[in-house]
Each structure stands twice: as C-alpha cells, then as structure tokens.
Amino acid sequence: KGGRIHIVHDNERILGIHLIQFSE
C-alpha cells in the first residue's frame, strides 16, 4: 500500500480496473 494508490484510484474509477492489485 503506497501513495500511488491515491493517484491510480482516480484512474481506477475511470478505467474501471483494479490497479490497486499492482500496488499490493
């Protein structure tokens, strides 16, 4: 869990993919 989650979190909702898995 890093700060990147906050950045990709916005893109995640737009792209509709689970980018959080990459950070995890």
PDB file of N, CA and C in Angstrom:
ATOM      1  N   LYS A   1       0.848  -1.199   0.000  1.00  0.00           N
ATOM      2  CA  LYS A   1       0.000   0.000   0.000  1.00  0.00           C
ATOM      3  C   LYS A   1       0.884   1.251   0.000  1.00  0.00           C
ATOM      4  N   GLY A   2       0.823   2.002  -1.077  1.00  0.00           N
ATOM      5  CA  GLY A   2       1.656   3.202  -1.152  1.00  0.00           C
ATOM      6  C   GLY A   2       0.852   4.408  -1.607  1.00  0.00           C
ATOM      7  N   GLY A   3       1.507   5.541  -1.735  1.00  0.00           N
ATOM      8  CA  GLY A   3       0.818   6.759  -2.157  1.00  0.00           C
ATOM      9  C   GLY A   3       0.270   6.629  -3.571  1.00  0.00           C
ATOM     10  N   ARG A   4       0.849   5.692  -4.348  1.00  0.00           N
ATOM     11  CA  ARG A   4       0.399   5.527  -5.733  1.00  0.00           C
ATOM     12  C   ARG A   4      -1.082   5.175  -5.783  1.00  0.00           C
ATOM     13  N   ILE A   5      -1.569   4.482  -4.767  1.00  0.00           N
ATOM     14  CA  ILE A   5      -2.972   4.063  -4.748  1.00  0.00           C
ATOM     15  C   ILE A   5      -3.880   5.283  -4.905  1.00  0.00           C
ATOM     16  N   HIS A   6      -3.505   6.400  -4.261  1.00  0.00           N
ATOM     17  CA  HIS A   6      -4.323   7.606  -4.344  1.00  0.00           C
ATOM     18  C   HIS A   6      -4.361   8.123  -5.780  1.00  0.00           C
ATOM     19  N   ILE A   7      -3.216   8.036  -6.464  1.00  0.00           N
ATOM     20  CA  ILE A   7      -3.139   8.544  -7.838  1.00  0.00           C
ATOM     21  C   ILE A   7      -3.925   7.647  -8.777  1.00  0.00           C
ATOM     22  N   VAL A   8      -3.683   6.337  -8.696  1.00  0.00           N
ATOM     23  CA  VAL A   8      -4.357   5.406  -9.596  1.00  0.00           C
ATOM     24  C   VAL A   8      -5.817   5.232  -9.207  1.00  0.00           C
ATOM     25  N   HIS A   9      -6.150   5.597  -7.959  1.00  0.00           N
ATOM     26  CA  HIS A   9      -7.525   5.428  -7.507  1.00  0.00           C
ATOM     27  C   HIS A   9      -8.479   6.201  -8.415  1.00  0.00           C
ATOM     28  N   ASP A  10      -8.080   7.414  -8.793  1.00  0.00           N
ATOM     29  CA  ASP A  10      -8.931   8.214  -9.689  1.00  0.00           C
ATOM     30  C   ASP A  10      -9.020   7.545 -11.054  1.00  0.00           C
ATOM     31  N   ASN A  11      -7.871   7.073 -11.544  1.00  0.00           N
ATOM     32  CA  ASN A  11      -7.852   6.414 -12.860  1.00  0.00           C
ATOM     33  C   ASN A  11      -8.604   5.099 -12.795  1.00  0.00           C
ATOM     34  N   GLU A  12      -8.538   4.448 -11.627  1.00  0.00           N
ATOM     35  CA  GLU A  12      -9.210   3.165 -11.476  1.00  0.00           C
ATOM     36  C   GLU A  12     -10.706   3.320 -11.741  1.00  0.00           C
ATOM     37  N   ARG A  13     -11.302   4.363 -11.210  1.00  0.00           N
ATOM     38  CA  ARG A  13     -12.745   4.568 -11.389  1.00  0.00           C
ATOM     39  C   ARG A  13     -13.040   4.878 -12.858  1.00  0.00           C
ATOM     40  N   ILE A  14     -12.125   5.582 -13.512  1.00  0.00           N
ATOM     41  CA  ILE A  14     -12.323   5.928 -14.927  1.00  0.00           C
ATOM     42  C   ILE A  14     -12.100   4.699 -15.805  1.00  0.00           C
ATOM     43  N   LEU A  15     -10.980   4.009 -15.587  1.00  0.00           N
ATOM     44  CA  LEU A  15     -10.651   2.841 -16.398  1.00  0.00           C
ATOM     45  C   LEU A  15     -11.515   1.657 -16.006  1.00  0.00           C
ATOM     46  N   GLY A  16     -11.921   1.637 -14.739  1.00  0.00           N
ATOM     47  CA  GLY A  16     -12.777   0.553 -14.281  1.00  0.00           C
ATOM     48  C   GLY A  16     -11.982  -0.719 -14.023  1.00  0.00           C
ATOM     49  N   ILE A  17     -10.699  -0.567 -13.697  1.00  0.00           N
ATOM     50  CA  ILE A  17      -9.866  -1.742 -13.430  1.00  0.00           C
ATOM     51  C   ILE A  17      -9.291  -1.659 -12.023  1.00  0.00           C
ATOM     52  N   HIS A  18      -8.826  -2.788 -11.516  1.00  0.00           N
ATOM     53  CA  HIS A  18      -8.289  -2.818 -10.154  1.00  0.00           C
ATOM     54  C   HIS A  18      -6.776  -2.607 -10.171  1.00  0.00           C
ATOM     55  N   LEU A  19      -6.366  -1.335 -10.266  1.00  0.00           N
ATOM     56  CA  LEU A  19      -4.937  -1.034 -10.286  1.00  0.00           C
ATOM     57  C   LEU A  19      -4.334  -1.260  -8.902  1.00  0.00           C
ATOM     58  N   ILE A  20      -5.202  -1.288  -7.898  1.00  0.00           N
ATOM     59  CA  ILE A  20      -4.731  -1.470  -6.529  1.00  0.00           C
ATOM     60  C   ILE A  20      -3.976  -2.790  -6.394  1.00  0.00           C
ATOM     61  N   GLN A  21      -4.379  -3.786  -7.177  1.00  0.00           N
ATOM     62  CA  GLN A  21      -3.731  -5.093  -7.111  1.00  0.00           C
ATOM     63  C   GLN A  21      -2.242  -4.971  -7.431  1.00  0.00           C
ATOM     64  N   PHE A  22      -1.893  -4.071  -8.356  1.00  0.00           N
ATOM     65  CA  PHE A  22      -0.497  -3.907  -8.731  1.00  0.00           C
ATOM     66  C   PHE A  22       0.299  -3.332  -7.562  1.00  0.00           C
ATOM     67  N   SER A  23      -0.293  -2.374  -6.873  1.00  0.00           N
ATOM     68  CA  SER A  23       0.397  -1.752  -5.746  1.00  0.00           C
ATOM     69  C   SER A  23       0.530  -2.736  -4.590  1.00  0.00           C
ATOM     70  N   GLU A  24      -0.464  -3.635  -4.502  1.00  0.00           N
ATOM     71  CA  GLU A  24      -0.464  -4.630  -3.430  1.00  0.00           C
ATOM     72  C   GLU A  24       0.522  -5.729  -3.781  1.00  0.00           C
TER      73      GLU A  24
END
